[in-house]
């Protein structure tokens, strides 16, 4: 209709174009209908109250084509396009047009030309020059409804234009269609800043291209969407970016002031709402949100490459209910470093879902500097199906450096249905991780089909610190670590010296976490070493310790905390931790309460595989609260120690035996352990090749199906090649218990404590009351030496009170196998009972090979009162040879009863008249109801001694 050549200024006011058609095809089949208005060499264009409607089948452009002067541009009068109060409705473009108004659309392997949009902007000059005054575009009160075009249905800016800014205010872009990209707007030129305020993009569709509403071929420095702007139900049917796609990326993107993206879709591409090849930073603030968007990867946002400095949600903003068929329910980062994800001020990631991994966020390649959740914010009810990792966050092939959950924030009810890391999964292999949870924050109700209900981390070293937090109801259904699964990776040539992998829990509640495997709350153990290989230039195939990247020390420290109702199908109802070939293990508990934890739960174990339940160091059913283990070398030695120095330590200065790799040390003080259980051994604690100190603690009503209602120790090797012998030897401490109380604990063997160790077990200033060995020996304590050893170990009981304990067989209070040294001093055994023998104390040779062992028995300044045995030895039962002589100094024994020997029954397994066992009494007070085997025992130091042919010895 109108062509204005060399119009530097082009203004249309109150102009309407409507119902324009090409000529009928039957009269002129070749007729071409180009857009009705065309202006060239323009510098300023204003369309005010301009209405273009029902223009059909146009070629190239639908309403206005503006070709700008790019050679003679003045900074004082920069080029501009202003469209105000205008409407575009029901127009269509079907073919390419003149002056380059064409876009080549590729469909699979073929391509075809399509036209552009209703308003097309391009250069007039054949060879445009870079302009010192870029074009600014301003749209206000614009309506674009039900238009169809090729590329940028309402506004299409061609390449070779220098753009400064585009501002869109109070406008609507509804139900527009583009054959290619940008069903509302396409910008082929780089634009410095785009501002969208109070504007609605809804129901726009890009059929074969990208960017359901907005397409940016060369990106932008700043994209700002504010003032309740919205992108709703925009679709790309085959491409990327359901609402927005930026090819060259966006430096900074803002979504503010209750603006939102909702129900946008890139079902077969990436970025359900937004897809960018690169993104510098995204800020979502002021209760803005991105919800119910759908894509293959990145339901809300897809970032093709980095680095990205930050993604920030603040002031009540959300990414919610986004869904992908692969990775990153809300956000997917394909490659490049992501500096920080910050969710603060009651903001949230909610209900996002990914089929393959990262229910909310997936970073597929590259490091993540920090994930920060603060000020009552949350990551909740995100999930990945069916076997993906990271119900909320997955860092697949990079390092996750920091996680912070602070100030009343929560990570809850996230699910990795078949994979690991119910909330977080990170598989870095070179850098440390730091996890900080504090300020009454919570990690609760997260579930992993495999490992780590809250988190599964494969990282070399770092710290997990929880202070004032709640960790509850997390589950690793078929794997290990109901809350945390921590494993250093196996790797070559990057072993770090002097690093520590620490788990520090202070003032926390750790409750109701469960694992089908081991570690109901925490699992901390190394990956097995890599299989033997032949590295280039390193000679024969070998596996070398130096090839494992690892911390030098694993540390778990828990203080002022409550740990209750955690369960594992395998070992460690609350915690399982082991040392490694390159790392020592330290576990500390102080001022804690542990209640109703359980290991070996059959219902949980039913969901776990044999591979998960089988740990090379710890068997299932061990350690109702904690199971820990160190390692021995190929000749059954622990890490080397200075045994002489250890022997000089007093109970008050007890220190771990070693700081070397493979060593294990557990320290407990001022803690309470109640109602916990293990299906096998150690209702509270199980220690394998480990040393432990327990101080000022209470153990009540704990149970084990086999041995040790409270503490079980199995240390079959020795930490030095020097074998100790006798009371004066340099013994190393295996277990040291001081000033502690054991009440009502039950097990088949060793109602409270059961040890099988080569070191010293020391019990000092402690109380054992009403403990029961339901099946075998040691109502309170059962102490044995390893059967594989040719020597015994040491047991020392000093200043202890043992009352009302019961054993079904031997040792109502204490049972020992053939030890090397047994020292009991300043203690009392009162009202203990044995169904068989040894109501107070029993020492029995269980193995015929024990005859070669020397036993040093010393009992001093001890009282035994009202102990009973059905058969032998109401107070003492000795069924072993006393070589050298046993010394009983200052013993008081009264009102003890048994069928034979109310005070003492001594029946050596062999009757050697030529080498009898010898008992030396010094300053004895009490009853004289003794029984010994005829000819095999000599008793000295009692003036009333009278041999009566193997019957009771009476004064």
Foldseek 3Di string as FASTA:
>chain_A
DDEAELAQEEEDELEEAAQAEWPDCVVPVPTAAAADYEYEQYQEYEYYQYEYEHQEQHAQAHHYEYAHEQPDADQVRGGEYEYEQYEYYHYEYAYHDPPPQWDWFDDPPDTDIWGAEHYEYHHRDPQGDDHPGAYEYEAENYEYEAYEGAHQHHYEYDPPGGAEEYEHEQYEAYQAEHQAEASHGEYLYEYAEYHYANYEAENAEHERYEALHYEAAQEYAEYEYEHQYEHEQAEYAAEEAQHYEHENEYAEYEAEQQYEYYAGEDANYYAQHYEYQEYAEYEYENQYEYAQGEYQEARHYEHNEDDHQEYEYEQNYEYEHAEHAAYAQHYEYAYYEYEEYYYEHQYEYYQAEYAAEASHYEYAYYEYNEYEAEHAYEYENGAYDDAHEALHYEDHEAYYAEYEHYAAYEYAQREHNRYEALHYEYEHAADAHEYEYENAYEYAHAEYCEYASHYEYAYAAYEHEYELYEYAHAENQAAEASHYHYEHAFFADRADPPGEHEYEYYNYEAYHAEYLAAASHYEAEYDDHDDWDDPPPPDDTDGDPRGGHHYQEYEYEHELYEHEHAEYLFEASHYEYEFDPRHEYEYEYEQYEYYAAEWNDNVSNVSYDPVRRDDPFGHGQYASHYEYEFDADPVQAAAAFDLQVQQPDDLVRHDFRDRGGRAAEYEYENYEHENAETAAEASHYEYELYAYEYYQYEAEQAEYAAEASHYEYHYQGYNDPDQFFDPVTSFHGRYAYELYEYYNAEYLEARHYEYAHAGEHEHYQYEYYAAENEHAEASHYEYEYDPVDLEFYEYEYENYEYEAGEYAAEAQHYEYEAHREYEYENYEYEHGEYAAEARHYEYAHPDPSCLSYAYEAEYELYEYEQAEYAAYASHYEYAAAHVPEYEYYNYEYENADYPAQSHYEYEYPDQDLVAAHEYEYHNYHYAQRYFYAPSRYHYDDDPQFDDDHRGTTHD
